[in-house]
Amino acid sequence: MADRAWTTVTLYVTGYLVEKTLALDNVFVISMIFTYFAVFLIVTGINMLVLMDQKPDISNNPLLKFMRKRLRVTETLHGERFWVKLPDPKTGAVVTWATLLFLCLVLVEVADLVFAILGLRALYFALAAMVHRFHYLKYALALVLVLIGVKIFLGDLMFDGKVPASLSLSVTTGLLAAGILYSWWKTRRGTEG
């Protein structure tokens, strides 16, 4: 029983570490994107500052206009339903209509996505100053991704379908630690001279 519990803990920690590793990889991607679009970001920031006190006109939202143009949309709510079957006023045939609730859902989810991206942006700015200190971490992250791919691709051949979680955890932790320590050592030596 204790062995089974330890395996469960090891699987959880491995999954958690791999997930955080993949999330950390996003910092490097965001860094590249922000570097490429620097002028665009400046213009967007200035526009946000200028328009900060104005109330947004949701009816002019491009996504809302796009959906209204491509979908049949009811003008009233229909309980908790996103889609309803109603007659088409032109043909009289029963067709599927999107409800206002569906439009609200899409707008809220897109806003949620934007806020998630802004949250990542905050993480980026917090880590941007440290990215140069962990230059070799991206190589370790690349090796972790290769490890995950090899584990999935060759797992059936080598370990009867399952690579031991302790092995995955050890290699992932080792690669990340090596990337961090080597980066720290190399940048430390560069700043001492």
N, C-alpha and C. Protein backbone atom coordinates (compact mmCIF):
# COMPACT_ATOMS: atom_id res chain seq x y z
N MET A 1 0.82 -1.19 0.00
CA MET A 1 0.00 0.00 0.00
C MET A 1 0.86 1.26 0.00
N ALA A 2 1.93 1.28 0.79
CA ALA A 2 2.82 2.44 0.85
C ALA A 2 3.51 2.65 -0.48
N ASP A 3 3.88 1.54 -1.17
CA ASP A 3 4.53 1.64 -2.47
C ASP A 3 3.58 2.27 -3.49
N ARG A 4 2.32 1.89 -3.43
CA ARG A 4 1.32 2.45 -4.35
C ARG A 4 1.11 3.95 -4.08
N ALA A 5 1.10 4.34 -2.81
CA ALA A 5 0.95 5.75 -2.45
C ALA A 5 2.15 6.55 -2.94
N TRP A 6 3.36 5.96 -2.79
CA TRP A 6 4.56 6.65 -3.24
C TRP A 6 4.53 6.83 -4.77
N THR A 7 4.07 5.82 -5.50
CA THR A 7 3.95 5.92 -6.95
C THR A 7 2.97 7.02 -7.34
N THR A 8 1.86 7.11 -6.63
CA THR A 8 0.88 8.15 -6.90
C THR A 8 1.47 9.54 -6.66
N VAL A 9 2.20 9.70 -5.56
CA VAL A 9 2.85 10.97 -5.25
C VAL A 9 3.88 11.30 -6.33
N THR A 10 4.66 10.33 -6.73
CA THR A 10 5.68 10.55 -7.75
C THR A 10 5.05 10.95 -9.08
N LEU A 11 3.96 10.28 -9.46
CA LEU A 11 3.26 10.64 -10.69
C LEU A 11 2.73 12.07 -10.62
N TYR A 12 2.16 12.44 -9.49
CA TYR A 12 1.63 13.79 -9.33
C TYR A 12 2.75 14.83 -9.43
N VAL A 13 3.84 14.61 -8.71
CA VAL A 13 4.95 15.57 -8.71
C VAL A 13 5.55 15.67 -10.11
N THR A 14 5.68 14.55 -10.80
CA THR A 14 6.21 14.56 -12.17
C THR A 14 5.30 15.36 -13.08
N GLY A 15 4.00 15.11 -13.02
CA GLY A 15 3.05 15.85 -13.84
C GLY A 15 3.08 17.33 -13.53
N TYR A 16 3.13 17.66 -12.24
CA TYR A 16 3.16 19.06 -11.82
C TYR A 16 4.42 19.74 -12.34
N LEU A 17 5.56 19.08 -12.20
CA LEU A 17 6.83 19.65 -12.63
C LEU A 17 6.86 19.83 -14.15
N VAL A 18 6.36 18.85 -14.88
CA VAL A 18 6.32 18.96 -16.34
C VAL A 18 5.40 20.10 -16.76
N GLU A 19 4.24 20.22 -16.11
CA GLU A 19 3.31 21.31 -16.43
C GLU A 19 3.95 22.67 -16.16
N LYS A 20 4.63 22.82 -15.04
CA LYS A 20 5.29 24.09 -14.73
C LYS A 20 6.44 24.35 -15.69
N THR A 21 7.12 23.30 -16.11
CA THR A 21 8.20 23.44 -17.09
C THR A 21 7.65 23.97 -18.41
N LEU A 22 6.54 23.40 -18.84
CA LEU A 22 5.93 23.86 -20.09
C LEU A 22 5.43 25.29 -19.95
N ALA A 23 4.92 25.66 -18.78
CA ALA A 23 4.47 27.04 -18.56
C ALA A 23 5.66 27.99 -18.57
N LEU A 24 6.79 27.57 -18.03
CA LEU A 24 7.98 28.39 -18.02
C LEU A 24 8.49 28.63 -19.43
N ASP A 25 8.31 27.64 -20.29
CA ASP A 25 8.70 27.78 -21.69
C ASP A 25 7.94 28.93 -22.33
N ASN A 26 6.71 29.20 -21.87
CA ASN A 26 5.92 30.31 -22.41
C ASN A 26 6.60 31.65 -22.18
N VAL A 27 7.35 31.78 -21.10
CA VAL A 27 8.03 33.04 -20.82
C VAL A 27 9.00 33.37 -21.96
N PHE A 28 9.71 32.37 -22.46
CA PHE A 28 10.64 32.60 -23.56
C PHE A 28 9.89 32.96 -24.84
N VAL A 29 8.76 32.29 -25.08
CA VAL A 29 7.95 32.60 -26.25
C VAL A 29 7.41 34.02 -26.16
N ILE A 30 6.88 34.39 -25.00
CA ILE A 30 6.35 35.74 -24.80
C ILE A 30 7.46 36.77 -24.99
N SER A 31 8.63 36.47 -24.50
CA SER A 31 9.76 37.37 -24.66
C SER A 31 10.07 37.61 -26.14
N MET A 32 10.07 36.55 -26.94
CA MET A 32 10.32 36.70 -28.37
C MET A 32 9.22 37.51 -29.04
N ILE A 33 7.97 37.23 -28.69
CA ILE A 33 6.84 37.94 -29.30
C ILE A 33 6.88 39.42 -28.93
N PHE A 34 7.09 39.73 -27.65
CA PHE A 34 7.13 41.13 -27.23
C PHE A 34 8.30 41.86 -27.89
N THR A 35 9.43 41.20 -28.04
CA THR A 35 10.58 41.81 -28.69
C THR A 35 10.24 42.14 -30.14
N TYR A 36 9.58 41.23 -30.82
CA TYR A 36 9.24 41.43 -32.22
C TYR A 36 8.22 42.55 -32.40
N PHE A 37 7.20 42.62 -31.54
CA PHE A 37 6.12 43.58 -31.68
C PHE A 37 6.28 44.80 -30.79
N ALA A 38 7.51 45.19 -30.44
CA ALA A 38 7.73 46.28 -29.50
C ALA A 38 7.00 47.57 -29.91
N VAL A 39 7.10 47.98 -31.20
CA VAL A 39 6.45 49.23 -31.64
C VAL A 39 4.95 49.11 -31.50
N PHE A 40 4.37 47.96 -31.87
CA PHE A 40 2.93 47.73 -31.77
C PHE A 40 2.47 47.85 -30.33
N LEU A 41 3.24 47.30 -29.39
CA LEU A 41 2.88 47.36 -27.98
C LEU A 41 2.89 48.79 -27.46
N ILE A 42 3.82 49.61 -27.93
CA ILE A 42 3.88 51.00 -27.51
C ILE A 42 2.62 51.74 -27.98
N VAL A 43 2.25 51.53 -29.24
CA VAL A 43 1.05 52.18 -29.79
C VAL A 43 -0.20 51.72 -29.04
N THR A 44 -0.31 50.42 -28.77
CA THR A 44 -1.45 49.89 -28.03
C THR A 44 -1.52 50.48 -26.63
N GLY A 45 -0.41 50.58 -25.96
CA GLY A 45 -0.37 51.16 -24.62
C GLY A 45 -0.80 52.61 -24.61
N ILE A 46 -0.34 53.38 -25.60
CA ILE A 46 -0.73 54.80 -25.68
C ILE A 46 -2.23 54.92 -25.95
N ASN A 47 -2.76 54.08 -26.86
CA ASN A 47 -4.20 54.09 -27.12
C ASN A 47 -4.99 53.78 -25.86
N MET A 48 -4.52 52.80 -25.07
CA MET A 48 -5.22 52.46 -23.84
C MET A 48 -5.22 53.64 -22.86
N LEU A 49 -4.09 54.35 -22.76
CA LEU A 49 -4.02 55.50 -21.87
C LEU A 49 -4.96 56.62 -22.31
N VAL A 50 -5.01 56.87 -23.60
CA VAL A 50 -5.84 57.95 -24.13
C VAL A 50 -7.32 57.64 -23.95
N LEU A 51 -7.70 56.39 -24.17
CA LEU A 51 -9.11 56.01 -24.14
C LEU A 51 -9.56 55.46 -22.79
N MET A 52 -8.74 55.58 -21.77
CA MET A 52 -8.99 54.95 -20.47
C MET A 52 -10.33 55.37 -19.84
N ASP A 53 -10.70 56.64 -19.92
CA ASP A 53 -11.90 57.13 -19.23
C ASP A 53 -13.18 57.00 -20.05
N GLN A 54 -13.08 56.59 -21.29
CA GLN A 54 -14.27 56.46 -22.13
C GLN A 54 -14.95 55.13 -21.87
N LYS A 55 -16.30 55.17 -21.84
CA LYS A 55 -17.06 53.94 -21.66
C LYS A 55 -17.05 53.18 -22.99
N PRO A 56 -16.75 51.90 -22.94
CA PRO A 56 -16.71 51.15 -24.20
C PRO A 56 -18.11 50.95 -24.77
N ASP A 57 -18.23 51.00 -26.10
CA ASP A 57 -19.48 50.75 -26.78
C ASP A 57 -19.45 49.30 -27.26
N ILE A 58 -20.08 48.41 -26.50
CA ILE A 58 -20.04 46.98 -26.80
C ILE A 58 -20.65 46.67 -28.16
N SER A 59 -21.61 47.48 -28.61
CA SER A 59 -22.24 47.19 -29.90
C SER A 59 -21.24 47.33 -31.05
N ASN A 60 -20.16 48.05 -30.84
CA ASN A 60 -19.14 48.19 -31.87
C ASN A 60 -18.01 47.18 -31.71
N ASN A 61 -18.15 46.24 -30.80
CA ASN A 61 -17.13 45.22 -30.59
C ASN A 61 -16.98 44.40 -31.87
N PRO A 62 -15.77 44.27 -32.41
CA PRO A 62 -15.57 43.53 -33.67
C PRO A 62 -16.01 42.07 -33.58
N LEU A 63 -15.78 41.43 -32.44
CA LEU A 63 -16.19 40.03 -32.29
C LEU A 63 -17.72 39.91 -32.31
N LEU A 64 -18.38 40.83 -31.63
CA LEU A 64 -19.85 40.82 -31.62
C LEU A 64 -20.39 41.06 -33.03
N LYS A 65 -19.81 42.01 -33.74
CA LYS A 65 -20.23 42.27 -35.12
C LYS A 65 -20.00 41.03 -35.99
N PHE A 66 -18.87 40.39 -35.81
CA PHE A 66 -18.54 39.18 -36.58
C PHE A 66 -19.58 38.09 -36.34
N MET A 67 -19.92 37.86 -35.06
CA MET A 67 -20.89 36.80 -34.75
C MET A 67 -22.28 37.15 -35.27
N ARG A 68 -22.69 38.40 -35.11
CA ARG A 68 -24.01 38.79 -35.59
C ARG A 68 -24.12 38.69 -37.11
N LYS A 69 -23.00 38.90 -37.80
CA LYS A 69 -23.00 38.82 -39.27
C LYS A 69 -23.07 37.38 -39.76
N ARG A 70 -22.48 36.44 -39.00
CA ARG A 70 -22.38 35.07 -39.46
C ARG A 70 -23.36 34.08 -38.81
N LEU A 71 -24.00 34.52 -37.75
CA LEU A 71 -24.95 33.64 -37.05
C LEU A 71 -26.34 34.27 -37.04
N ARG A 72 -27.34 33.44 -36.98
CA ARG A 72 -28.69 33.93 -36.69
C ARG A 72 -28.75 34.12 -35.18
N VAL A 73 -29.08 35.33 -34.73
CA VAL A 73 -29.05 35.63 -33.30
C VAL A 73 -30.43 36.13 -32.88
N THR A 74 -30.95 35.54 -31.81
CA THR A 74 -32.24 35.98 -31.27
C THR A 74 -32.06 37.34 -30.60
N GLU A 75 -33.12 38.04 -30.44
CA GLU A 75 -33.07 39.35 -29.78
C GLU A 75 -33.47 39.26 -28.31
N THR A 76 -33.81 38.06 -27.86
CA THR A 76 -34.21 37.88 -26.46
C THR A 76 -33.48 36.68 -25.89
N LEU A 77 -33.49 36.61 -24.57
CA LEU A 77 -32.93 35.43 -23.89
C LEU A 77 -33.93 34.28 -23.98
N HIS A 78 -33.44 33.08 -23.96
CA HIS A 78 -34.28 31.88 -23.97
C HIS A 78 -33.86 30.99 -22.81
N GLY A 79 -34.08 31.51 -21.61
CA GLY A 79 -33.69 30.77 -20.42
C GLY A 79 -32.19 30.64 -20.33
N GLU A 80 -31.73 29.42 -20.09
CA GLU A 80 -30.30 29.15 -19.96
C GLU A 80 -29.73 28.52 -21.23
N ARG A 81 -30.43 28.64 -22.32
CA ARG A 81 -30.02 27.97 -23.56
C ARG A 81 -29.13 28.88 -24.40
N PHE A 82 -28.12 28.25 -25.02
CA PHE A 82 -27.22 28.96 -25.93
C PHE A 82 -27.75 28.90 -27.36
N TRP A 83 -28.45 27.85 -27.69
CA TRP A 83 -28.98 27.63 -29.04
C TRP A 83 -30.46 27.27 -28.94
N VAL A 84 -31.25 27.77 -29.88
CA VAL A 84 -32.67 27.42 -29.93
C VAL A 84 -33.06 27.17 -31.39
N LYS A 85 -34.11 26.39 -31.55
CA LYS A 85 -34.69 26.14 -32.89
C LYS A 85 -35.93 27.02 -33.01
N LEU A 86 -35.90 27.92 -33.99
CA LEU A 86 -37.01 28.84 -34.23
C LEU A 86 -37.23 28.96 -35.74
N PRO A 87 -38.43 29.37 -36.13
CA PRO A 87 -38.68 29.55 -37.56
C PRO A 87 -37.92 30.76 -38.12
N ASP A 88 -37.40 30.61 -39.33
CA ASP A 88 -36.76 31.72 -40.04
C ASP A 88 -37.87 32.66 -40.53
N PRO A 89 -37.77 33.97 -40.24
CA PRO A 89 -38.84 34.89 -40.64
C PRO A 89 -39.03 34.97 -42.16
N LYS A 90 -37.98 34.69 -42.93
CA LYS A 90 -38.07 34.79 -44.39
C LYS A 90 -38.67 33.53 -45.02
N THR A 91 -38.21 32.36 -44.55
CA THR A 91 -38.63 31.10 -45.18
C THR A 91 -39.67 30.34 -44.38
N GLY A 92 -39.74 30.59 -43.10
CA GLY A 92 -40.65 29.85 -42.24
C GLY A 92 -40.10 28.51 -41.79
N ALA A 93 -38.94 28.10 -42.33
CA ALA A 93 -38.32 26.84 -41.94
C ALA A 93 -37.72 26.97 -40.55
N VAL A 94 -37.78 25.88 -39.79
CA VAL A 94 -37.19 25.87 -38.44
C VAL A 94 -35.68 25.74 -38.58
N VAL A 95 -34.96 26.70 -38.01
CA VAL A 95 -33.50 26.74 -38.08
C VAL A 95 -32.92 26.98 -36.69
N THR A 96 -31.64 26.79 -36.58
CA THR A 96 -30.94 26.99 -35.30
C THR A 96 -30.50 28.45 -35.17
N TRP A 97 -30.78 29.02 -34.01
CA TRP A 97 -30.41 30.40 -33.70
C TRP A 97 -29.50 30.42 -32.48
N ALA A 98 -28.53 31.31 -32.47
CA ALA A 98 -27.73 31.57 -31.28
C ALA A 98 -28.50 32.54 -30.41
N THR A 99 -28.45 32.35 -29.11
CA THR A 99 -29.15 33.26 -28.21
C THR A 99 -28.20 34.36 -27.73
N LEU A 100 -28.76 35.37 -27.13
CA LEU A 100 -27.94 36.44 -26.56
C LEU A 100 -27.01 35.89 -25.48
N LEU A 101 -27.47 34.86 -24.79
CA LEU A 101 -26.64 34.24 -23.76
C LEU A 101 -25.36 33.65 -24.37
N PHE A 102 -25.48 33.06 -25.57
CA PHE A 102 -24.30 32.53 -26.25
C PHE A 102 -23.33 33.65 -26.60
N LEU A 103 -23.84 34.78 -27.11
CA LEU A 103 -22.97 35.91 -27.42
C LEU A 103 -22.26 36.41 -26.17
N CYS A 104 -23.00 36.48 -25.06
CA CYS A 104 -22.39 36.89 -23.79
C CYS A 104 -21.28 35.92 -23.38
N LEU A 105 -21.56 34.63 -23.51
CA LEU A 105 -20.57 33.61 -23.16
C LEU A 105 -19.29 33.79 -23.96
N VAL A 106 -19.41 33.97 -25.27
CA VAL A 106 -18.23 34.13 -26.12
C VAL A 106 -17.46 35.38 -25.71
N LEU A 107 -18.15 36.49 -25.51
CA LEU A 107 -17.46 37.73 -25.12
C LEU A 107 -16.76 37.60 -23.77
N VAL A 108 -17.42 36.95 -22.82
CA VAL A 108 -16.81 36.75 -21.50
C VAL A 108 -15.58 35.85 -21.60
N GLU A 109 -15.69 34.78 -22.39
CA GLU A 109 -14.56 33.86 -22.53
C GLU A 109 -13.37 34.51 -23.22
N VAL A 110 -13.65 35.33 -24.23
CA VAL A 110 -12.56 36.05 -24.90
C VAL A 110 -11.92 37.04 -23.94
N ALA A 111 -12.75 37.73 -23.15
CA ALA A 111 -12.20 38.65 -22.14
C ALA A 111 -11.36 37.88 -21.12
N ASP A 112 -11.83 36.69 -20.73
CA ASP A 112 -11.08 35.85 -19.80
C ASP A 112 -9.73 35.47 -20.39
N LEU A 113 -9.72 35.14 -21.67
CA LEU A 113 -8.48 34.81 -22.35
C LEU A 113 -7.53 36.00 -22.36
N VAL A 114 -8.07 37.18 -22.64
CA VAL A 114 -7.25 38.39 -22.64
C VAL A 114 -6.66 38.64 -21.25
N PHE A 115 -7.48 38.47 -20.20
CA PHE A 115 -6.97 38.66 -18.84
C PHE A 115 -5.91 37.61 -18.50
N ALA A 116 -6.09 36.39 -19.00
CA ALA A 116 -5.07 35.36 -18.77
C ALA A 116 -3.76 35.75 -19.44
N ILE A 117 -3.88 36.30 -20.65
CA ILE A 117 -2.68 36.75 -21.36
C ILE A 117 -2.04 37.91 -20.61
N LEU A 118 -2.86 38.82 -20.08
CA LEU A 118 -2.31 39.93 -19.31
C LEU A 118 -1.61 39.41 -18.05
N GLY A 119 -2.17 38.34 -17.46
CA GLY A 119 -1.52 37.72 -16.31
C GLY A 119 -0.16 37.15 -16.68
N LEU A 120 -0.10 36.51 -17.85
CA LEU A 120 1.18 36.00 -18.33
C LEU A 120 2.14 37.15 -18.62
N ARG A 121 1.58 38.25 -19.10
CA ARG A 121 2.41 39.42 -19.38
C ARG A 121 3.04 39.93 -18.09
N ALA A 122 2.25 39.96 -17.02
CA ALA A 122 2.80 40.38 -15.73
C ALA A 122 3.92 39.44 -15.30
N LEU A 123 3.70 38.13 -15.51
CA LEU A 123 4.74 37.16 -15.19
C LEU A 123 5.97 37.41 -16.05
N TYR A 124 5.73 37.74 -17.32
CA TYR A 124 6.85 38.02 -18.21
C TYR A 124 7.68 39.19 -17.68
N PHE A 125 7.03 40.29 -17.32
CA PHE A 125 7.77 41.44 -16.84
C PHE A 125 8.51 41.13 -15.54
N ALA A 126 7.91 40.28 -14.73
CA ALA A 126 8.58 39.90 -13.48
C ALA A 126 9.84 39.07 -13.77
N LEU A 127 9.75 38.25 -14.81
CA LEU A 127 10.88 37.37 -15.13
C LEU A 127 11.80 37.93 -16.21
N ALA A 128 11.38 38.97 -16.92
CA ALA A 128 12.16 39.49 -18.04
C ALA A 128 13.56 39.91 -17.62
N ALA A 129 13.65 40.50 -16.44
CA ALA A 129 14.96 40.93 -15.97
C ALA A 129 15.86 39.75 -15.65
N MET A 130 15.25 38.60 -15.38
CA MET A 130 16.04 37.43 -15.01
C MET A 130 16.32 36.50 -16.19
N VAL A 131 15.65 36.72 -17.34
CA VAL A 131 15.80 35.80 -18.46
C VAL A 131 17.26 35.71 -18.90
N HIS A 132 17.94 36.85 -18.93
CA HIS A 132 19.35 36.82 -19.36
C HIS A 132 20.21 36.02 -18.38
N ARG A 133 19.79 35.96 -17.13
CA ARG A 133 20.54 35.16 -16.15
C ARG A 133 20.35 33.67 -16.34
N PHE A 134 19.27 33.27 -17.00
CA PHE A 134 18.98 31.85 -17.20
C PHE A 134 18.98 31.49 -18.68
N HIS A 135 20.00 31.97 -19.37
CA HIS A 135 20.12 31.76 -20.81
C HIS A 135 20.10 30.28 -21.18
N TYR A 136 20.73 29.45 -20.41
CA TYR A 136 20.83 28.02 -20.75
C TYR A 136 19.63 27.21 -20.28
N LEU A 137 18.72 27.84 -19.57
CA LEU A 137 17.51 27.14 -19.13
C LEU A 137 16.66 26.74 -20.33
N LYS A 138 16.66 27.55 -21.39
CA LYS A 138 15.85 27.21 -22.56
C LYS A 138 16.34 25.92 -23.20
N TYR A 139 17.63 25.64 -23.12
CA TYR A 139 18.14 24.37 -23.65
C TYR A 139 17.67 23.20 -22.79
N ALA A 140 17.65 23.42 -21.48
CA ALA A 140 17.14 22.39 -20.59
C ALA A 140 15.66 22.14 -20.84
N LEU A 141 14.89 23.22 -21.05
CA LEU A 141 13.48 23.07 -21.35
C LEU A 141 13.28 22.32 -22.67
N ALA A 142 14.10 22.61 -23.65
CA ALA A 142 14.01 21.90 -24.94
C ALA A 142 14.29 20.42 -24.73
N LEU A 143 15.26 20.09 -23.90
CA LEU A 143 15.57 18.69 -23.62
C LEU A 143 14.42 18.01 -22.86
N VAL A 144 13.76 18.75 -21.98
CA VAL A 144 12.60 18.18 -21.27
C VAL A 144 11.50 17.86 -22.27
N LEU A 145 11.27 18.76 -23.22
CA LEU A 145 10.25 18.50 -24.25
C LEU A 145 10.61 17.26 -25.08
N VAL A 146 11.89 17.14 -25.42
CA VAL A 146 12.34 15.94 -26.15
C VAL A 146 12.11 14.70 -25.29
N LEU A 147 12.43 14.80 -24.00
CA LEU A 147 12.21 13.68 -23.08
C LEU A 147 10.75 13.26 -23.06
N ILE A 148 9.84 14.23 -22.99
CA ILE A 148 8.40 13.92 -22.97
C ILE A 148 8.01 13.22 -24.26
N GLY A 149 8.49 13.74 -25.39
CA GLY A 149 8.19 13.12 -26.68
C GLY A 149 8.72 11.70 -26.78
N VAL A 150 9.95 11.49 -26.34
CA VAL A 150 10.55 10.15 -26.37
C VAL A 150 9.79 9.22 -25.44
N LYS A 151 9.42 9.73 -24.28
CA LYS A 151 8.68 8.92 -23.31
C LYS A 151 7.36 8.44 -23.91
N ILE A 152 6.66 9.35 -24.58
CA ILE A 152 5.38 8.99 -25.20
C ILE A 152 5.60 8.04 -26.37
N PHE A 153 6.58 8.35 -27.21
CA PHE A 153 6.81 7.58 -28.43
C PHE A 153 7.38 6.20 -28.17
N LEU A 154 8.34 6.12 -27.26
CA LEU A 154 9.03 4.85 -27.04
C LEU A 154 8.61 4.12 -25.76
N GLY A 155 7.70 4.69 -25.01
CA GLY A 155 7.29 4.09 -23.74
C GLY A 155 6.81 2.66 -23.91
N ASP A 156 6.04 2.38 -24.94
CA ASP A 156 5.52 1.03 -25.15
C ASP A 156 6.62 0.03 -25.44
N LEU A 157 7.67 0.48 -26.11
CA LEU A 157 8.74 -0.44 -26.51
C LEU A 157 9.68 -0.78 -25.36
N MET A 158 9.97 0.21 -24.51
CA MET A 158 11.03 0.03 -23.52
C MET A 158 10.55 -0.46 -22.17
N PHE A 159 9.42 0.01 -21.71
CA PHE A 159 9.02 -0.26 -20.34
C PHE A 159 7.64 -0.88 -20.24
N ASP A 160 7.28 -1.66 -21.21
CA ASP A 160 5.98 -2.34 -21.18
C ASP A 160 4.83 -1.34 -21.07
N GLY A 161 4.97 -0.21 -21.75
CA GLY A 161 3.90 0.76 -21.79
C GLY A 161 4.02 1.89 -20.79
N LYS A 162 4.86 1.75 -19.77
CA LYS A 162 4.97 2.80 -18.76
C LYS A 162 6.43 3.05 -18.40
N VAL A 163 6.84 4.29 -18.56
CA VAL A 163 8.15 4.71 -18.08
C VAL A 163 7.97 5.00 -16.60
N PRO A 164 8.82 4.46 -15.74
CA PRO A 164 8.67 4.71 -14.31
C PRO A 164 8.64 6.21 -14.00
N ALA A 165 7.67 6.63 -13.20
CA ALA A 165 7.52 8.04 -12.87
C ALA A 165 8.76 8.57 -12.16
N SER A 166 9.38 7.75 -11.35
CA SER A 166 10.58 8.20 -10.64
C SER A 166 11.71 8.53 -11.62
N LEU A 167 11.82 7.76 -12.70
CA LEU A 167 12.84 8.04 -13.72
C LEU A 167 12.53 9.36 -14.43
N SER A 168 11.27 9.56 -14.82
CA SER A 168 10.88 10.81 -15.49
C SER A 168 11.12 12.01 -14.58
N LEU A 169 10.72 11.87 -13.31
CA LEU A 169 10.90 12.97 -12.36
C LEU A 169 12.38 13.27 -12.16
N SER A 170 13.18 12.25 -12.03
CA SER A 170 14.63 12.44 -11.81
C SER A 170 15.28 13.14 -13.00
N VAL A 171 14.98 12.67 -14.20
CA VAL A 171 15.59 13.27 -15.39
C VAL A 171 15.10 14.70 -15.58
N THR A 172 13.80 14.94 -15.43
CA THR A 172 13.26 16.30 -15.59
C THR A 172 13.87 17.25 -14.57
N THR A 173 13.90 16.84 -13.31
CA THR A 173 14.49 17.67 -12.26
C THR A 173 15.97 17.91 -12.52
N GLY A 174 16.67 16.87 -12.93
CA GLY A 174 18.09 17.00 -13.22
C GLY A 174 18.37 17.96 -14.37
N LEU A 175 17.58 17.85 -15.43
CA LEU A 175 17.77 18.76 -16.57
C LEU A 175 17.50 20.21 -16.19
N LEU A 176 16.40 20.43 -15.46
CA LEU A 176 16.08 21.80 -15.05
C LEU A 176 17.14 22.36 -14.09
N ALA A 177 17.54 21.56 -13.15
CA ALA A 177 18.57 22.01 -12.20
C ALA A 177 19.88 22.31 -12.93
N ALA A 178 20.24 21.45 -13.86
CA ALA A 178 21.48 21.67 -14.62
C ALA A 178 21.39 22.95 -15.44
N GLY A 179 20.24 23.19 -16.08
CA GLY A 179 20.07 24.41 -16.86
C GLY A 179 20.15 25.66 -16.01
N ILE A 180 19.51 25.62 -14.83
CA ILE A 180 19.52 26.77 -13.93
C ILE A 180 20.93 27.00 -13.36
N LEU A 181 21.55 25.93 -12.87
CA LEU A 181 22.87 26.09 -12.25
C LEU A 181 23.93 26.51 -13.26
N TYR A 182 23.90 25.92 -14.45
CA TYR A 182 24.88 26.28 -15.47
C TYR A 182 24.68 27.73 -15.91
N SER A 183 23.43 28.14 -16.08
CA SER A 183 23.14 29.53 -16.44
C SER A 183 23.64 30.48 -15.36
N TRP A 184 23.33 30.15 -14.13
CA TRP A 184 23.76 30.99 -13.01
C TRP A 184 25.28 31.09 -12.97
N TRP A 185 25.95 29.95 -13.14
CA TRP A 185 27.41 29.92 -13.10
C TRP A 185 28.00 30.74 -14.24
N LYS A 186 27.47 30.59 -15.46
CA LYS A 186 28.01 31.31 -16.62
C LYS A 186 27.77 32.81 -16.51
N THR A 187 26.59 33.23 -16.09
CA THR A 187 26.31 34.66 -16.01
C THR A 187 27.01 35.29 -14.80
N ARG A 188 27.22 34.51 -13.77
CA ARG A 188 27.94 35.02 -12.60
C ARG A 188 29.38 35.31 -12.95
N ARG A 189 30.00 34.39 -13.69
CA ARG A 189 31.39 34.58 -14.12
C ARG A 189 31.48 35.78 -15.06
N GLY A 190 30.46 35.98 -15.88
CA GLY A 190 30.49 37.10 -16.83
C GLY A 190 30.36 38.44 -16.15
N THR A 191 29.68 38.50 -15.01
CA THR A 191 29.51 39.78 -14.33
C THR A 191 30.62 40.08 -13.35
N GLU A 192 31.39 39.05 -12.99
CA GLU A 192 32.49 39.28 -12.03
C GLU A 192 33.67 39.96 -12.69
N GLY A 193 33.88 39.70 -14.02
CA GLY A 193 35.07 40.21 -14.71
C GLY A 193 34.97 41.62 -15.02
